Amino acid sequence: MSCPICANDTDPKFRPFCSRRCADVDLAKWLGGGYAIPSDDPEDMEEAADAILSALEAGEDGSKPH
């Protein structure tokens, strides 16, 4: 098995990576959003949040509006 970052042989201590450095590079990609799937519509989250807030304000969830 080869390291997914640099393609060197893996080290059992850092598997599936070859070193601490490659493991840290991978972690940085995750934390920085490097593995995120791009969206065609970046406003999806905002639209969903607005819809939920509107429903709550209208009392559509069965509770009274605030």
PDB file of N, CA and C in Angstrom:
ATOM      1  N   MET A   1       0.852  -1.179   0.000  1.00  0.00           N
ATOM      2  CA  MET A   1       0.000   0.000   0.000  1.00  0.00           C
ATOM      3  C   MET A   1       0.894   1.236   0.000  1.00  0.00           C
ATOM      4  N   SER A   2       0.490   2.236  -0.760  1.00  0.00           N
ATOM      5  CA  SER A   2       1.285   3.457  -0.815  1.00  0.00           C
ATOM      6  C   SER A   2       0.566   4.607  -0.113  1.00  0.00           C
ATOM      7  N   CYS A   3       1.336   5.563   0.334  1.00  0.00           N
ATOM      8  CA  CYS A   3       0.829   6.742   1.033  1.00  0.00           C
ATOM      9  C   CYS A   3      -0.060   7.545   0.071  1.00  0.00           C
ATOM     10  N   PRO A   4      -1.266   7.930   0.499  1.00  0.00           N
ATOM     11  CA  PRO A   4      -2.152   8.689  -0.387  1.00  0.00           C
ATOM     12  C   PRO A   4      -1.674  10.116  -0.656  1.00  0.00           C
ATOM     13  N   ILE A   5      -0.711  10.594   0.109  1.00  0.00           N
ATOM     14  CA  ILE A   5      -0.207  11.954  -0.077  1.00  0.00           C
ATOM     15  C   ILE A   5       1.001  11.980  -1.008  1.00  0.00           C
ATOM     16  N   CYS A   6       2.004  11.134  -0.753  1.00  0.00           N
ATOM     17  CA  CYS A   6       3.251  11.204  -1.534  1.00  0.00           C
ATOM     18  C   CYS A   6       3.570   9.930  -2.311  1.00  0.00           C
ATOM     19  N   ALA A   7       2.789   8.886  -2.145  1.00  0.00           N
ATOM     20  CA  ALA A   7       2.944   7.610  -2.852  1.00  0.00           C
ATOM     21  C   ALA A   7       4.140   6.779  -2.384  1.00  0.00           C
ATOM     22  N   ASN A   8       4.819   7.142  -1.307  1.00  0.00           N
ATOM     23  CA  ASN A   8       5.869   6.299  -0.727  1.00  0.00           C
ATOM     24  C   ASN A   8       5.225   5.118  -0.010  1.00  0.00           C
ATOM     25  N   ASP A   9       6.031   4.123   0.337  1.00  0.00           N
ATOM     26  CA  ASP A   9       5.518   2.990   1.103  1.00  0.00           C
ATOM     27  C   ASP A   9       5.022   3.467   2.462  1.00  0.00           C
ATOM     28  N   THR A  10       3.949   2.851   2.935  1.00  0.00           N
ATOM     29  CA  THR A  10       3.397   3.253   4.221  1.00  0.00           C
ATOM     30  C   THR A  10       4.225   2.710   5.372  1.00  0.00           C
ATOM     31  N   ASP A  11       4.135   3.388   6.481  1.00  0.00           N
ATOM     32  CA  ASP A  11       4.777   2.964   7.731  1.00  0.00           C
ATOM     33  C   ASP A  11       3.655   2.487   8.639  1.00  0.00           C
ATOM     34  N   PRO A  12       3.743   1.279   9.180  1.00  0.00           N
ATOM     35  CA  PRO A  12       2.671   0.772  10.049  1.00  0.00           C
ATOM     36  C   PRO A  12       2.333   1.731  11.201  1.00  0.00           C
ATOM     37  N   LYS A  13       3.305   2.483  11.651  1.00  0.00           N
ATOM     38  CA  LYS A  13       3.070   3.431  12.744  1.00  0.00           C
ATOM     39  C   LYS A  13       2.129   4.564  12.324  1.00  0.00           C
ATOM     40  N   PHE A  14       2.134   4.933  11.032  1.00  0.00           N
ATOM     41  CA  PHE A  14       1.340   6.066  10.562  1.00  0.00           C
ATOM     42  C   PHE A  14       0.310   5.665   9.502  1.00  0.00           C
ATOM     43  N   ARG A  15       0.035   4.382   9.395  1.00  0.00           N
ATOM     44  CA  ARG A  15      -0.826   3.854   8.361  1.00  0.00           C
ATOM     45  C   ARG A  15      -2.133   4.609   8.256  1.00  0.00           C
ATOM     46  N   PRO A  16      -2.586   5.003   7.119  1.00  0.00           N
ATOM     47  CA  PRO A  16      -2.156   4.637   5.779  1.00  0.00           C
ATOM     48  C   PRO A  16      -1.066   5.551   5.203  1.00  0.00           C
ATOM     49  N   PHE A  17      -0.481   6.385   6.034  1.00  0.00           N
ATOM     50  CA  PHE A  17       0.536   7.328   5.566  1.00  0.00           C
ATOM     51  C   PHE A  17       1.933   6.780   5.797  1.00  0.00           C
ATOM     52  N   CYS A  18       2.919   7.478   5.223  1.00  0.00           N
ATOM     53  CA  CYS A  18       4.304   7.036   5.374  1.00  0.00           C
ATOM     54  C   CYS A  18       4.992   7.737   6.547  1.00  0.00           C
ATOM     55  N   SER A  19       4.443   8.852   6.988  1.00  0.00           N
ATOM     56  CA  SER A  19       5.096   9.632   8.035  1.00  0.00           C
ATOM     57  C   SER A  19       4.087  10.534   8.734  1.00  0.00           C
ATOM     58  N   ARG A  20       4.511  11.111   9.831  1.00  0.00           N
ATOM     59  CA  ARG A  20       3.690  12.078  10.557  1.00  0.00           C
ATOM     60  C   ARG A  20       3.404  13.291   9.664  1.00  0.00           C
ATOM     61  N   ARG A  21       4.394  13.685   8.858  1.00  0.00           N
ATOM     62  CA  ARG A  21       4.234  14.837   7.978  1.00  0.00           C
ATOM     63  C   ARG A  21       3.066  14.635   7.011  1.00  0.00           C
ATOM     64  N   CYS A  22       3.025  13.475   6.352  1.00  0.00           N
ATOM     65  CA  CYS A  22       1.939  13.217   5.412  1.00  0.00           C
ATOM     66  C   CYS A  22       0.597  13.112   6.130  1.00  0.00           C
ATOM     67  N   ALA A  23       0.576  12.557   7.315  1.00  0.00           N
ATOM     68  CA  ALA A  23      -0.657  12.511   8.099  1.00  0.00           C
ATOM     69  C   ALA A  23      -1.130  13.920   8.426  1.00  0.00           C
ATOM     70  N   ASP A  24      -0.195  14.804   8.770  1.00  0.00           N
ATOM     71  CA  ASP A  24      -0.543  16.194   9.078  1.00  0.00           C
ATOM     72  C   ASP A  24      -1.002  16.948   7.838  1.00  0.00           C
ATOM     73  N   VAL A  25      -0.390  16.667   6.683  1.00  0.00           N
ATOM     74  CA  VAL A  25      -0.817  17.290   5.434  1.00  0.00           C
ATOM     75  C   VAL A  25      -2.263  16.897   5.137  1.00  0.00           C
ATOM     76  N   ASP A  26      -2.586  15.617   5.328  1.00  0.00           N
ATOM     77  CA  ASP A  26      -3.947  15.135   5.104  1.00  0.00           C
ATOM     78  C   ASP A  26      -4.926  15.807   6.065  1.00  0.00           C
ATOM     79  N   LEU A  27      -4.560  15.898   7.333  1.00  0.00           N
ATOM     80  CA  LEU A  27      -5.424  16.550   8.322  1.00  0.00           C
ATOM     81  C   LEU A  27      -5.658  18.008   7.943  1.00  0.00           C
ATOM     82  N   ALA A  28      -4.627  18.698   7.504  1.00  0.00           N
ATOM     83  CA  ALA A  28      -4.769  20.100   7.097  1.00  0.00           C
ATOM     84  C   ALA A  28      -5.726  20.239   5.914  1.00  0.00           C
ATOM     85  N   LYS A  29      -5.699  19.267   4.997  1.00  0.00           N
ATOM     86  CA  LYS A  29      -6.635  19.299   3.863  1.00  0.00           C
ATOM     87  C   LYS A  29      -8.074  19.162   4.357  1.00  0.00           C
ATOM     88  N   TRP A  30      -8.297  18.248   5.316  1.00  0.00           N
ATOM     89  CA  TRP A  30      -9.642  18.082   5.875  1.00  0.00           C
ATOM     90  C   TRP A  30     -10.101  19.354   6.571  1.00  0.00           C
ATOM     91  N   LEU A  31      -9.241  19.895   7.428  1.00  0.00           N
ATOM     92  CA  LEU A  31      -9.623  21.074   8.199  1.00  0.00           C
ATOM     93  C   LEU A  31      -9.797  22.310   7.326  1.00  0.00           C
ATOM     94  N   GLY A  32      -9.055  22.388   6.240  1.00  0.00           N
ATOM     95  CA  GLY A  32      -9.140  23.537   5.353  1.00  0.00           C
ATOM     96  C   GLY A  32     -10.217  23.423   4.285  1.00  0.00           C
ATOM     97  N   GLY A  33     -10.938  22.319   4.271  1.00  0.00           N
ATOM     98  CA  GLY A  33     -11.997  22.128   3.281  1.00  0.00           C
ATOM     99  C   GLY A  33     -11.494  21.627   1.944  1.00  0.00           C
ATOM    100  N   GLY A  34     -10.266  21.119   1.904  1.00  0.00           N
ATOM    101  CA  GLY A  34      -9.697  20.637   0.658  1.00  0.00           C
ATOM    102  C   GLY A  34     -10.383  19.403   0.101  1.00  0.00           C
ATOM    103  N   TYR A  35     -11.100  18.676   0.913  1.00  0.00           N
ATOM    104  CA  TYR A  35     -11.798  17.482   0.458  1.00  0.00           C
ATOM    105  C   TYR A  35     -13.300  17.724   0.285  1.00  0.00           C
ATOM    106  N   ALA A  36     -13.733  18.971   0.388  1.00  0.00           N
ATOM    107  CA  ALA A  36     -15.152  19.292   0.251  1.00  0.00           C
ATOM    108  C   ALA A  36     -15.600  19.092  -1.190  1.00  0.00           C
ATOM    109  N   ILE A  37     -16.826  18.668  -1.363  1.00  0.00           N
ATOM    110  CA  ILE A  37     -17.400  18.510  -2.684  1.00  0.00           C
ATOM    111  C   ILE A  37     -17.957  19.868  -3.100  1.00  0.00           C
ATOM    112  N   PRO A  38     -17.511  20.388  -4.236  1.00  0.00           N
ATOM    113  CA  PRO A  38     -17.984  21.707  -4.646  1.00  0.00           C
ATOM    114  C   PRO A  38     -19.474  21.703  -4.960  1.00  0.00           C
ATOM    115  N   SER A  39     -20.113  22.809  -4.684  1.00  0.00           N
ATOM    116  CA  SER A  39     -21.541  22.963  -4.938  1.00  0.00           C
ATOM    117  C   SER A  39     -21.758  23.975  -6.051  1.00  0.00           C
ATOM    118  N   ASP A  40     -22.751  23.729  -6.880  1.00  0.00           N
ATOM    119  CA  ASP A  40     -23.103  24.692  -7.921  1.00  0.00           C
ATOM    120  C   ASP A  40     -23.870  25.874  -7.345  1.00  0.00           C
ATOM    121  N   ASP A  41     -24.491  25.675  -6.189  1.00  0.00           N
ATOM    122  CA  ASP A  41     -25.297  26.725  -5.573  1.00  0.00           C
ATOM    123  C   ASP A  41     -24.829  26.946  -4.135  1.00  0.00           C
ATOM    124  N   PRO A  42     -23.911  27.864  -3.912  1.00  0.00           N
ATOM    125  CA  PRO A  42     -23.375  28.065  -2.567  1.00  0.00           C
ATOM    126  C   PRO A  42     -24.385  28.637  -1.579  1.00  0.00           C
ATOM    127  N   GLU A  43     -25.556  29.028  -2.047  1.00  0.00           N
ATOM    128  CA  GLU A  43     -26.554  29.612  -1.162  1.00  0.00           C
ATOM    129  C   GLU A  43     -27.488  28.567  -0.547  1.00  0.00           C
ATOM    130  N   ASP A  44     -27.278  27.281  -0.844  1.00  0.00           N
ATOM    131  CA  ASP A  44     -28.164  26.235  -0.336  1.00  0.00           C
ATOM    132  C   ASP A  44     -28.324  26.283   1.174  1.00  0.00           C
ATOM    133  N   MET A  45     -27.231  26.428   1.897  1.00  0.00           N
ATOM    134  CA  MET A  45     -27.305  26.445   3.362  1.00  0.00           C
ATOM    135  C   MET A  45     -28.098  27.646   3.854  1.00  0.00           C
ATOM    136  N   GLU A  46     -27.890  28.798   3.251  1.00  0.00           N
ATOM    137  CA  GLU A  46     -28.609  29.996   3.662  1.00  0.00           C
ATOM    138  C   GLU A  46     -30.107  29.857   3.375  1.00  0.00           C
ATOM    139  N   GLU A  47     -30.454  29.300   2.223  1.00  0.00           N
ATOM    140  CA  GLU A  47     -31.859  29.110   1.878  1.00  0.00           C
ATOM    141  C   GLU A  47     -32.532  28.135   2.835  1.00  0.00           C
ATOM    142  N   ALA A  48     -31.855  27.067   3.203  1.00  0.00           N
ATOM    143  CA  ALA A  48     -32.413  26.092   4.140  1.00  0.00           C
ATOM    144  C   ALA A  48     -32.617  26.732   5.511  1.00  0.00           C
ATOM    145  N   ALA A  49     -31.629  27.508   5.961  1.00  0.00           N
ATOM    146  CA  ALA A  49     -31.760  28.181   7.260  1.00  0.00           C
ATOM    147  C   ALA A  49     -32.910  29.175   7.240  1.00  0.00           C
ATOM    148  N   ASP A  50     -33.058  29.926   6.149  1.00  0.00           N
ATOM    149  CA  ASP A  50     -34.159  30.885   6.042  1.00  0.00           C
ATOM    150  C   ASP A  50     -35.512  30.176   6.060  1.00  0.00           C
ATOM    151  N   ALA A  51     -35.610  29.038   5.378  1.00  0.00           N
ATOM    152  CA  ALA A  51     -36.861  28.284   5.349  1.00  0.00           C
ATOM    153  C   ALA A  51     -37.234  27.775   6.731  1.00  0.00           C
ATOM    154  N   ILE A  52     -36.256  27.309   7.482  1.00  0.00           N
ATOM    155  CA  ILE A  52     -36.517  26.830   8.842  1.00  0.00           C
ATOM    156  C   ILE A  52     -36.974  27.976   9.731  1.00  0.00           C
ATOM    157  N   LEU A  53     -36.284  29.103   9.641  1.00  0.00           N
ATOM    158  CA  LEU A  53     -36.669  30.265  10.453  1.00  0.00           C
ATOM    159  C   LEU A  53     -38.069  30.748  10.100  1.00  0.00           C
ATOM    160  N   SER A  54     -38.402  30.771   8.814  1.00  0.00           N
ATOM    161  CA  SER A  54     -39.737  31.189   8.389  1.00  0.00           C
ATOM    162  C   SER A  54     -40.800  30.241   8.934  1.00  0.00           C
ATOM    163  N   ALA A  55     -40.522  28.950   8.880  1.00  0.00           N
ATOM    164  CA  ALA A  55     -41.473  27.964   9.388  1.00  0.00           C
ATOM    165  C   ALA A  55     -41.660  28.117  10.890  1.00  0.00           C
ATOM    166  N   LEU A  56     -40.583  28.372  11.606  1.00  0.00           N
ATOM    167  CA  LEU A  56     -40.684  28.553  13.054  1.00  0.00           C
ATOM    168  C   LEU A  56     -41.472  29.812  13.391  1.00  0.00           C
ATOM    169  N   GLU A  57     -41.215  30.874  12.659  1.00  0.00           N
ATOM    170  CA  GLU A  57     -41.935  32.126  12.904  1.00  0.00           C
ATOM    171  C   GLU A  57     -43.413  31.992  12.584  1.00  0.00           C
ATOM    172  N   ALA A  58     -43.773  31.169  11.605  1.00  0.00           N
ATOM    173  CA  ALA A  58     -45.164  30.975  11.213  1.00  0.00           C
ATOM    174  C   ALA A  58     -45.849  29.932  12.100  1.00  0.00           C
ATOM    175  N   GLY A  59     -45.098  29.272  12.966  1.00  0.00           N
ATOM    176  CA  GLY A  59     -45.676  28.268  13.849  1.00  0.00           C
ATOM    177  C   GLY A  59     -45.963  26.958  13.166  1.00  0.00           C
ATOM    178  N   GLU A  60     -45.308  26.711  12.041  1.00  0.00           N
ATOM    179  CA  GLU A  60     -45.565  25.478  11.284  1.00  0.00           C
ATOM    180  C   GLU A  60     -45.022  24.233  11.951  1.00  0.00           C
ATOM    181  N   ASP A  61     -44.216  24.384  12.989  1.00  0.00           N
ATOM    182  CA  ASP A  61     -43.675  23.206  13.649  1.00  0.00           C
ATOM    183  C   ASP A  61     -44.545  22.752  14.804  1.00  0.00           C
ATOM    184  N   GLY A  62     -45.700  23.410  14.982  1.00  0.00           N
ATOM    185  CA  GLY A  62     -46.596  23.024  16.056  1.00  0.00           C
ATOM    186  C   GLY A  62     -46.405  23.835  17.322  1.00  0.00           C
ATOM    187  N   SER A  63     -45.368  24.623  17.385  1.00  0.00           N
ATOM    188  CA  SER A  63     -45.155  25.458  18.561  1.00  0.00           C
ATOM    189  C   SER A  63     -45.585  26.882  18.256  1.00  0.00           C
ATOM    190  N   LYS A  64     -45.693  27.666  19.296  1.00  0.00           N
ATOM    191  CA  LYS A  64     -46.083  29.062  19.125  1.00  0.00           C
ATOM    192  C   LYS A  64     -44.869  29.881  18.672  1.00  0.00           C
ATOM    193  N   PRO A  65     -45.082  30.872  17.802  1.00  0.00           N
ATOM    194  CA  PRO A  65     -43.958  31.726  17.403  1.00  0.00           C
ATOM    195  C   PRO A  65     -43.454  32.548  18.578  1.00  0.00           C
ATOM    196  N   HIS A  66     -42.177  32.917  18.514  1.00  0.00           N
ATOM    197  CA  HIS A  66     -41.582  33.686  19.605  1.00  0.00           C
ATOM    198  C   HIS A  66     -41.898  35.121  19.518  1.00  0.00           C
TER     199      HIS A  66
END
